[in-house]
């Protein structure tokens, strides 16, 4: 896990000129108000559930009660990939 510090701002979405861009991918600025932990590597739903359901020694990285039951989206056929 790596910690994303806060506060911070970044852009999400796709530029209007990007090939194969979907109409729902408008760019917008996102603000991070609090730090959070994220995996630096792809993980399975089983690994995620283990992390979510195992109490941490560090309360700063304990998953919140709003954590979803699974990571992958219904109908997903491949993991998301980072670009850039």
N, C-alpha and C. Protein backbone atom coordinates (compact mmCIF):
# COMPACT_ATOMS: atom_id res chain seq x y z
N UNK A 1 0.85 -1.18 0.00
CA UNK A 1 0.00 0.00 0.00
C UNK A 1 0.89 1.24 0.00
N UNK A 2 0.43 2.25 -0.72
CA UNK A 2 1.10 3.55 -0.66
C UNK A 2 0.07 4.56 -0.19
N UNK A 3 0.53 5.58 0.48
CA UNK A 3 -0.37 6.60 1.00
C UNK A 3 -0.37 7.80 0.05
N UNK A 4 -1.56 8.21 -0.36
CA UNK A 4 -1.73 9.42 -1.17
C UNK A 4 -1.94 10.56 -0.18
N UNK A 5 -1.03 11.52 -0.15
CA UNK A 5 -1.14 12.60 0.85
C UNK A 5 -2.25 13.59 0.51
N UNK A 6 -2.63 14.34 1.50
CA UNK A 6 -3.63 15.38 1.32
C UNK A 6 -3.10 16.65 1.96
N UNK A 7 -3.58 17.80 1.63
CA UNK A 7 -4.53 18.02 0.53
C UNK A 7 -3.82 17.93 -0.81
N UNK A 8 -4.61 17.69 -1.84
CA UNK A 8 -4.06 17.61 -3.19
C UNK A 8 -5.15 17.78 -4.22
N UNK A 9 -4.74 18.14 -5.43
CA UNK A 9 -5.68 18.33 -6.54
C UNK A 9 -5.11 17.70 -7.80
N UNK A 10 -5.97 17.12 -8.61
CA UNK A 10 -5.54 16.57 -9.89
C UNK A 10 -6.73 16.51 -10.84
N UNK A 11 -6.44 16.31 -12.11
CA UNK A 11 -7.47 16.23 -13.14
C UNK A 11 -7.82 14.78 -13.42
N UNK A 12 -9.12 14.50 -13.58
CA UNK A 12 -9.60 13.19 -14.02
C UNK A 12 -10.39 13.39 -15.31
N UNK A 13 -10.56 12.32 -16.05
CA UNK A 13 -11.28 12.40 -17.32
C UNK A 13 -10.32 12.48 -18.48
N UNK A 14 -10.86 12.65 -19.67
CA UNK A 14 -10.07 12.66 -20.90
C UNK A 14 -10.17 14.00 -21.60
N UNK A 15 -9.07 14.45 -22.23
CA UNK A 15 -9.16 15.66 -23.04
C UNK A 15 -10.11 15.44 -24.21
N UNK A 16 -10.76 16.50 -24.64
CA UNK A 16 -11.75 16.38 -25.72
C UNK A 16 -11.16 15.82 -27.01
N UNK A 17 -9.87 16.03 -27.25
CA UNK A 17 -9.24 15.58 -28.48
C UNK A 17 -8.70 14.15 -28.41
N UNK A 18 -8.84 13.46 -27.28
CA UNK A 18 -8.29 12.11 -27.13
C UNK A 18 -9.07 11.11 -28.00
N UNK A 19 -8.35 10.28 -28.79
CA UNK A 19 -9.03 9.28 -29.61
C UNK A 19 -9.82 8.29 -28.75
N UNK A 20 -10.94 7.85 -29.24
CA UNK A 20 -11.81 6.87 -28.56
C UNK A 20 -12.38 7.38 -27.24
N UNK A 21 -12.39 8.68 -27.05
CA UNK A 21 -12.93 9.28 -25.83
C UNK A 21 -14.44 9.11 -25.80
N UNK A 22 -14.97 8.73 -24.66
CA UNK A 22 -16.42 8.62 -24.48
C UNK A 22 -16.96 9.98 -24.06
N UNK A 23 -18.18 10.28 -24.43
CA UNK A 23 -18.79 11.58 -24.12
C UNK A 23 -18.90 11.82 -22.61
N UNK A 24 -18.91 10.74 -21.82
CA UNK A 24 -19.04 10.88 -20.36
C UNK A 24 -17.71 11.13 -19.66
N UNK A 25 -16.63 11.30 -20.41
CA UNK A 25 -15.30 11.43 -19.82
C UNK A 25 -14.80 12.87 -19.75
N UNK A 26 -15.67 13.81 -19.49
CA UNK A 26 -15.25 15.21 -19.37
C UNK A 26 -14.19 15.35 -18.29
N UNK A 27 -13.22 16.24 -18.53
CA UNK A 27 -12.20 16.48 -17.52
C UNK A 27 -12.75 17.39 -16.43
N UNK A 28 -12.31 17.11 -15.21
CA UNK A 28 -12.68 17.96 -14.08
C UNK A 28 -11.60 17.82 -13.01
N UNK A 29 -11.49 18.83 -12.18
CA UNK A 29 -10.52 18.80 -11.10
C UNK A 29 -11.11 18.10 -9.89
N UNK A 30 -10.31 17.26 -9.27
CA UNK A 30 -10.70 16.54 -8.06
C UNK A 30 -9.80 17.00 -6.93
N UNK A 31 -10.36 17.21 -5.76
CA UNK A 31 -9.60 17.61 -4.58
C UNK A 31 -9.61 16.47 -3.57
N UNK A 32 -8.44 16.14 -3.07
CA UNK A 32 -8.29 15.12 -2.02
C UNK A 32 -8.20 15.88 -0.69
N UNK A 33 -9.17 15.65 0.17
CA UNK A 33 -9.22 16.36 1.46
C UNK A 33 -8.55 15.60 2.59
N UNK A 34 -8.33 14.30 2.40
CA UNK A 34 -7.73 13.50 3.46
C UNK A 34 -6.85 12.43 2.82
N UNK A 35 -5.78 12.01 3.50
CA UNK A 35 -4.90 10.98 2.93
C UNK A 35 -5.62 9.63 2.87
N UNK A 36 -5.23 8.81 1.90
CA UNK A 36 -5.77 7.46 1.83
C UNK A 36 -4.71 6.52 1.29
N UNK A 37 -4.88 5.23 1.55
CA UNK A 37 -3.93 4.21 1.09
C UNK A 37 -4.51 3.50 -0.11
N UNK A 38 -3.62 3.17 -1.06
CA UNK A 38 -4.02 2.47 -2.27
C UNK A 38 -2.93 1.46 -2.62
N UNK A 39 -3.31 0.36 -3.20
CA UNK A 39 -2.33 -0.65 -3.58
C UNK A 39 -1.48 -0.14 -4.73
N UNK A 40 -0.20 -0.41 -4.66
CA UNK A 40 0.71 -0.05 -5.75
C UNK A 40 0.68 -1.09 -6.86
N UNK A 41 0.00 -2.21 -6.62
CA UNK A 41 -0.05 -3.32 -7.58
C UNK A 41 -1.49 -3.79 -7.75
N UNK A 42 -1.76 -4.47 -8.85
CA UNK A 42 -3.07 -5.07 -9.04
C UNK A 42 -3.31 -6.11 -7.95
N UNK A 43 -4.54 -6.18 -7.48
CA UNK A 43 -4.89 -7.18 -6.48
C UNK A 43 -6.20 -7.83 -6.88
N UNK A 44 -6.44 -9.01 -6.36
CA UNK A 44 -7.68 -9.72 -6.65
C UNK A 44 -8.77 -9.26 -5.68
N UNK A 45 -10.02 -9.58 -6.02
CA UNK A 45 -11.11 -9.28 -5.08
C UNK A 45 -10.88 -10.01 -3.76
N UNK A 46 -10.35 -11.22 -3.80
CA UNK A 46 -10.09 -11.98 -2.57
C UNK A 46 -9.05 -11.27 -1.70
N UNK A 47 -7.97 -10.78 -2.31
CA UNK A 47 -6.95 -10.05 -1.55
C UNK A 47 -7.53 -8.77 -0.95
N UNK A 48 -8.36 -8.08 -1.72
CA UNK A 48 -8.99 -6.86 -1.23
C UNK A 48 -9.89 -7.15 -0.04
N UNK A 49 -10.73 -8.17 -0.14
CA UNK A 49 -11.64 -8.51 0.97
C UNK A 49 -10.84 -8.86 2.22
N UNK A 50 -9.70 -9.56 2.05
CA UNK A 50 -8.85 -9.88 3.20
C UNK A 50 -8.36 -8.59 3.87
N UNK A 51 -7.87 -7.65 3.06
CA UNK A 51 -7.43 -6.35 3.60
C UNK A 51 -8.58 -5.64 4.29
N UNK A 52 -9.74 -5.59 3.63
CA UNK A 52 -10.89 -4.87 4.16
C UNK A 52 -11.37 -5.47 5.49
N UNK A 53 -11.31 -6.79 5.60
CA UNK A 53 -11.90 -7.47 6.76
C UNK A 53 -10.91 -7.76 7.88
N UNK A 54 -9.63 -7.46 7.69
CA UNK A 54 -8.61 -7.72 8.71
C UNK A 54 -8.28 -6.42 9.43
N UNK A 55 -8.50 -6.36 10.75
CA UNK A 55 -8.17 -5.13 11.48
C UNK A 55 -6.68 -4.79 11.34
N UNK A 56 -6.40 -3.52 11.18
CA UNK A 56 -5.03 -3.05 11.02
C UNK A 56 -4.47 -2.63 12.37
N UNK A 57 -3.16 -2.72 12.50
CA UNK A 57 -2.51 -2.20 13.70
C UNK A 57 -2.44 -0.68 13.65
N UNK A 58 -2.57 -0.13 12.46
CA UNK A 58 -2.50 1.32 12.27
C UNK A 58 -3.88 1.85 11.88
N UNK A 59 -4.56 2.57 12.78
CA UNK A 59 -5.91 3.05 12.47
C UNK A 59 -5.95 3.98 11.26
N UNK A 60 -4.82 4.55 10.87
CA UNK A 60 -4.80 5.45 9.72
C UNK A 60 -5.06 4.71 8.41
N UNK A 61 -4.84 3.38 8.39
CA UNK A 61 -5.08 2.63 7.15
C UNK A 61 -6.20 1.61 7.30
N UNK A 62 -7.01 1.74 8.32
CA UNK A 62 -8.15 0.84 8.48
C UNK A 62 -9.24 1.22 7.48
N UNK A 63 -9.73 0.25 6.70
CA UNK A 63 -10.78 0.56 5.73
C UNK A 63 -12.03 1.10 6.41
N UNK A 64 -12.71 2.00 5.73
CA UNK A 64 -13.94 2.55 6.28
C UNK A 64 -15.09 1.58 6.08
N UNK A 65 -16.18 1.82 6.74
CA UNK A 65 -17.36 0.96 6.62
C UNK A 65 -17.99 1.06 5.23
N UNK A 66 -17.64 2.10 4.47
CA UNK A 66 -18.21 2.28 3.13
C UNK A 66 -17.47 1.50 2.05
N UNK A 67 -16.45 0.73 2.41
CA UNK A 67 -15.70 -0.02 1.40
C UNK A 67 -16.64 -0.97 0.66
N UNK A 68 -16.52 -1.03 -0.65
CA UNK A 68 -17.40 -1.92 -1.42
C UNK A 68 -17.06 -3.38 -1.17
N UNK A 69 -17.95 -4.28 -1.58
CA UNK A 69 -17.76 -5.70 -1.40
C UNK A 69 -16.72 -6.26 -2.36
N UNK A 70 -16.55 -5.60 -3.51
CA UNK A 70 -15.60 -6.08 -4.51
C UNK A 70 -14.99 -4.91 -5.25
N UNK A 71 -13.87 -5.14 -5.89
CA UNK A 71 -13.18 -4.09 -6.61
C UNK A 71 -13.62 -3.98 -8.05
N UNK A 72 -13.75 -5.11 -8.72
CA UNK A 72 -14.02 -5.07 -10.14
C UNK A 72 -15.47 -4.71 -10.42
N UNK A 73 -15.68 -4.06 -11.53
CA UNK A 73 -17.02 -3.67 -11.94
C UNK A 73 -17.72 -4.83 -12.60
N UNK A 74 -19.02 -4.98 -12.42
CA UNK A 74 -19.74 -6.02 -13.13
C UNK A 74 -19.52 -5.85 -14.64
N UNK A 75 -19.22 -6.92 -15.31
CA UNK A 75 -18.99 -6.86 -16.74
C UNK A 75 -17.57 -6.51 -17.14
N UNK A 76 -16.71 -6.22 -16.17
CA UNK A 76 -15.32 -5.90 -16.50
C UNK A 76 -14.65 -7.12 -17.08
N UNK A 77 -13.88 -6.93 -18.14
CA UNK A 77 -13.20 -8.05 -18.78
C UNK A 77 -11.70 -8.02 -18.59
N UNK A 78 -11.16 -6.89 -18.10
CA UNK A 78 -9.72 -6.77 -17.87
C UNK A 78 -9.48 -5.72 -16.82
N UNK A 79 -8.31 -5.77 -16.15
CA UNK A 79 -8.02 -4.74 -15.15
C UNK A 79 -7.78 -3.38 -15.81
N UNK A 80 -8.02 -2.35 -15.07
CA UNK A 80 -7.71 -0.99 -15.56
C UNK A 80 -6.20 -0.85 -15.64
N UNK A 81 -5.73 -0.03 -16.55
CA UNK A 81 -4.30 0.20 -16.68
C UNK A 81 -4.01 1.68 -16.58
N UNK A 82 -2.87 1.99 -16.02
CA UNK A 82 -2.45 3.40 -15.91
C UNK A 82 -1.71 3.80 -17.17
N UNK A 83 -1.88 5.03 -17.57
CA UNK A 83 -1.14 5.54 -18.73
C UNK A 83 -0.40 6.79 -18.33
N UNK A 84 0.61 7.13 -19.10
CA UNK A 84 1.28 8.39 -18.87
C UNK A 84 2.54 8.32 -18.18
